[in-house]
């Protein structure tokens, strides 16, 4: 649960939709991003009280109406003091449905970060294993040369099997029960970009469901 009255000082956004939470912000996977914008604080005038120290805005690649595209990314690695392997599998496909008018872009991913902490009381080695799963769907519709509608759905969940704080200077924990931590986040947003001739009009609405 969010802590009442507690706000982060740096806002974290995805396509200008807030993803930061009180005390905790999920680790957003950065696969298939267009760019990252970093704004110096304070940014409260545009983004509210949780951006006193500034703002980080992740811009995801949106669907492209003029060309098919696909990509896949895999990785396999080892972690010091861990008996398990880390891996990641991520993929993207961009499909134009109506040339220069309508397209959809789908991203999916799964990542496992191997644990490196042993909970000695529970006899559980590599107890802090972290699993991340999620995906994004982008739909772009351009009915005219001056009008663009963009829909984005983003979902991500994380599962940390046990906490990472240890008994210094060792990499061991000593607790009677494991302390898992789960996050789940779903964001849906709709954006209108309209060229008015004398200027550009942007309207953005979003709904977010976040649990920690």
Protein backbone atom coordinates (compact mmCIF):
# COMPACT_ATOMS: atom_id res chain seq x y z
CA UNK A 1 0.00 0.00 0.00
CA UNK A 2 1.03 3.59 -0.55
CA UNK A 3 1.93 5.47 2.61
CA UNK A 4 -0.48 8.38 3.29
CA UNK A 5 1.18 11.76 3.02
CA UNK A 6 4.41 10.36 1.56
CA UNK A 7 5.43 11.49 -1.93
CA UNK A 8 8.44 10.73 -4.07
CA UNK A 9 10.46 13.78 -5.08
CA UNK A 10 11.22 12.65 -8.66
CA UNK A 11 8.29 11.73 -10.88
CA UNK A 12 8.54 8.72 -13.21
CA UNK A 13 6.27 8.65 -16.27
CA UNK A 14 5.62 6.51 -19.34
CA UNK A 15 4.47 8.61 -22.30
CA UNK A 16 3.46 11.31 -19.79
CA UNK A 17 1.36 8.85 -17.73
CA UNK A 18 2.56 8.53 -14.15
CA UNK A 19 3.99 5.17 -13.02
CA UNK A 20 5.72 6.24 -9.79
CA UNK A 21 4.25 5.24 -6.43
CA UNK A 22 4.72 6.51 -2.89
CA UNK A 23 7.99 5.07 -1.51
CA UNK A 24 8.32 2.57 -4.36
CA UNK A 25 8.51 2.81 -8.15
CA UNK A 26 8.46 -0.41 -10.21
CA UNK A 27 11.58 -1.13 -12.27
CA UNK A 28 10.22 -0.50 -15.76
CA UNK A 29 11.83 -2.66 -18.43
CA UNK A 30 13.29 -0.42 -21.14
CA UNK A 31 12.99 -2.73 -24.16
CA UNK A 32 11.75 -1.02 -27.37
CA UNK A 33 11.86 2.54 -26.06
CA UNK A 34 12.11 5.57 -28.34
CA UNK A 35 13.95 7.78 -25.83
CA UNK A 36 14.18 8.89 -22.20
CA UNK A 37 13.50 12.51 -21.23
CA UNK A 38 15.01 13.90 -18.01
CA UNK A 39 13.60 17.22 -16.79
CA UNK A 40 15.25 19.21 -14.02
CA UNK A 41 13.08 20.13 -11.07
CA UNK A 42 10.90 21.59 -9.90
CA UNK A 43 8.24 20.36 -12.34
CA UNK A 44 5.21 20.78 -10.08
CA UNK A 45 3.45 23.25 -12.38
CA UNK A 46 2.94 20.65 -15.12
CA UNK A 47 3.26 17.33 -13.29
CA UNK A 48 2.19 17.89 -9.67
CA UNK A 49 3.66 17.61 -6.21
CA UNK A 50 5.58 14.34 -6.75
CA UNK A 51 8.03 16.01 -9.17
CA UNK A 52 9.71 18.60 -6.95
CA UNK A 53 13.15 17.16 -7.74
CA UNK A 54 12.45 16.69 -11.44
CA UNK A 55 10.99 14.16 -13.81
CA UNK A 56 11.97 11.08 -15.84
CA UNK A 57 9.66 10.41 -18.80
CA UNK A 58 10.06 7.14 -20.74
CA UNK A 59 8.82 7.42 -24.34
CA UNK A 60 7.82 4.05 -25.81
CA UNK A 61 8.00 3.42 -29.54
CA UNK A 62 4.52 3.74 -30.98
CA UNK A 63 3.01 1.73 -33.82
CA UNK A 64 4.22 2.72 -37.30
CA UNK A 65 1.66 2.74 -40.08
CA UNK A 66 4.09 2.55 -43.02
CA UNK A 67 6.26 -0.51 -42.44
CA UNK A 68 6.38 -3.99 -40.89
CA UNK A 69 8.99 -4.41 -38.18
CA UNK A 70 10.00 -7.08 -35.67
CA UNK A 71 12.76 -7.60 -33.14
CA UNK A 72 13.84 -10.12 -30.53
CA UNK A 73 16.34 -9.78 -27.71
CA UNK A 74 17.72 -12.56 -25.52
CA UNK A 75 20.35 -12.68 -22.81
CA UNK A 76 21.91 -15.21 -20.48
CA UNK A 77 24.22 -14.34 -17.62
CA UNK A 78 25.70 -15.33 -14.32
CA UNK A 79 25.73 -13.47 -11.00
CA UNK A 80 28.47 -13.62 -8.40
CA UNK A 81 27.54 -15.73 -5.33
CA UNK A 82 24.60 -17.31 -7.22
CA UNK A 83 24.12 -20.91 -8.34
CA UNK A 84 21.42 -19.95 -10.86
CA UNK A 85 21.55 -18.28 -14.25
CA UNK A 86 19.85 -15.02 -15.16
CA UNK A 87 18.00 -14.79 -18.47
CA UNK A 88 15.76 -12.48 -20.49
CA UNK A 89 13.54 -12.99 -23.52
CA UNK A 90 11.92 -9.98 -25.19
CA UNK A 91 10.13 -9.57 -28.50
CA UNK A 92 8.34 -6.94 -30.59
CA UNK A 93 6.25 -6.95 -33.76
CA UNK A 94 4.85 -3.93 -35.63
CA UNK A 95 1.97 -4.60 -38.03
CA UNK A 96 0.46 -2.00 -40.40
CA UNK A 97 -3.21 -2.95 -40.76
CA UNK A 98 -4.21 -0.14 -43.15
CA UNK A 99 -1.27 1.47 -44.93
CA UNK A 100 -0.56 4.98 -43.61
CA UNK A 101 -3.78 4.82 -41.54
CA UNK A 102 -3.79 2.11 -38.87
CA UNK A 103 -1.11 0.01 -37.18
CA UNK A 104 -0.53 -2.04 -34.03
CA UNK A 105 2.73 -2.71 -32.16
CA UNK A 106 2.99 -5.50 -29.58
CA UNK A 107 5.82 -6.02 -27.08
CA UNK A 108 6.25 -8.96 -24.67
CA UNK A 109 9.00 -9.79 -22.20
CA UNK A 110 10.11 -12.07 -19.39
CA UNK A 111 13.23 -11.54 -17.31
CA UNK A 112 14.70 -13.50 -14.40
CA UNK A 113 17.41 -11.98 -12.21
CA UNK A 114 19.15 -14.73 -10.24
CA UNK A 115 19.29 -14.41 -6.47
CA UNK A 116 22.59 -14.05 -4.62
CA UNK A 117 21.48 -13.91 -0.95
CA UNK A 118 21.15 -17.01 1.26
CA UNK A 119 18.51 -17.13 3.99
CA UNK A 120 20.34 -19.38 6.45
CA UNK A 121 17.49 -19.91 8.91
CA UNK A 122 15.19 -21.11 6.13
CA UNK A 123 18.02 -23.03 4.42
CA UNK A 124 17.11 -21.20 1.23
CA UNK A 125 19.99 -20.33 -1.10
CA UNK A 126 19.73 -17.54 -3.69
CA UNK A 127 16.52 -16.51 -1.96
CA UNK A 128 16.12 -13.06 -3.55
CA UNK A 129 15.33 -14.22 -7.09
CA UNK A 130 13.40 -11.61 -9.10
CA UNK A 131 11.03 -12.35 -12.00
CA UNK A 132 9.65 -9.63 -14.28
CA UNK A 133 6.92 -10.17 -16.89
CA UNK A 134 4.99 -7.71 -18.99
CA UNK A 135 4.10 -6.23 -22.31
CA UNK A 136 2.79 -3.25 -24.23
CA UNK A 137 0.26 -2.72 -27.01
CA UNK A 138 0.34 0.44 -29.11
CA UNK A 139 -2.35 1.29 -31.65
CA UNK A 140 -2.04 4.34 -33.92
CA UNK A 141 -4.85 5.64 -36.14
CA UNK A 142 -4.30 8.56 -38.53
CA UNK A 143 -7.64 9.26 -40.28
CA UNK A 144 -6.21 12.44 -41.84
CA UNK A 145 -2.81 14.02 -42.31
CA UNK A 146 -3.55 16.43 -39.44
CA UNK A 147 -5.12 14.00 -36.92
CA UNK A 148 -3.41 11.24 -34.97
CA UNK A 149 -4.97 9.01 -32.30
CA UNK A 150 -2.62 6.87 -30.18
CA UNK A 151 -3.68 4.14 -27.74
CA UNK A 152 -1.19 2.56 -25.31
CA UNK A 153 -1.70 -0.33 -22.90
CA UNK A 154 1.21 -1.31 -20.64
CA UNK A 155 1.25 -4.17 -18.13
CA UNK A 156 4.12 -5.30 -15.91
CA UNK A 157 4.39 -7.52 -12.85
CA UNK A 158 7.37 -8.36 -10.65
CA UNK A 159 7.89 -11.12 -8.08
CA UNK A 160 10.75 -10.84 -5.59
CA UNK A 161 10.97 -14.10 -3.64
CA UNK A 162 12.73 -12.61 -0.59
CA UNK A 163 14.15 -9.24 0.46
CA UNK A 164 17.70 -8.18 -0.33
CA UNK A 165 18.88 -6.67 2.97
CA UNK A 166 21.60 -8.81 4.56
CA UNK A 167 23.65 -9.25 7.72
CA UNK A 168 26.72 -7.11 7.00
CA UNK A 169 29.40 -8.02 5.93
CA UNK A 170 27.91 -11.28 4.64
CA UNK A 171 25.46 -12.02 1.84
CA UNK A 172 23.16 -13.93 4.20
CA UNK A 173 19.81 -13.26 5.86
CA UNK A 174 18.36 -14.75 9.04
CA UNK A 175 14.56 -14.52 9.14
CA UNK A 176 11.85 -16.89 10.36
CA UNK A 177 9.73 -16.37 7.22
CA UNK A 178 10.55 -15.21 3.68
CA UNK A 179 9.65 -11.60 2.85
CA UNK A 180 8.43 -11.55 -0.76
CA UNK A 181 7.45 -8.40 -2.61
CA UNK A 182 5.11 -8.25 -5.60
CA UNK A 183 4.15 -5.36 -7.86
CA UNK A 184 1.54 -5.15 -10.59
CA UNK A 185 0.87 -2.21 -12.87
CA UNK A 186 -1.62 -1.64 -15.70
CA UNK A 187 -1.78 1.65 -17.62
CA UNK A 188 -4.19 2.53 -20.43
CA UNK A 189 -3.86 5.86 -22.21
CA UNK A 190 -5.41 7.61 -25.20
CA UNK A 191 -3.76 10.59 -26.91
CA UNK A 192 -5.00 12.98 -29.60
CA UNK A 193 -2.54 15.05 -31.63
CA UNK A 194 -4.28 17.59 -33.85
CA UNK A 195 -2.62 20.05 -36.22
CA UNK A 196 -4.75 23.21 -36.15
CA UNK A 197 -2.69 25.10 -38.69
CA UNK A 198 -1.77 27.91 -36.29
CA UNK A 199 -0.64 25.44 -33.60
CA UNK A 200 -0.74 21.88 -32.31
CA UNK A 201 -3.36 20.56 -29.90
CA UNK A 202 -2.54 17.56 -27.66
CA UNK A 203 -5.12 15.88 -25.42
CA UNK A 204 -4.06 12.98 -23.20
CA UNK A 205 -6.14 10.84 -20.85
CA UNK A 206 -4.92 7.86 -18.84
CA UNK A 207 -6.08 5.32 -16.25
CA UNK A 208 -3.61 3.47 -14.02
CA UNK A 209 -4.05 0.50 -11.68
CA UNK A 210 -0.96 -0.06 -9.50
CA UNK A 211 -0.45 -2.51 -6.63
CA UNK A 212 2.57 -3.12 -4.41
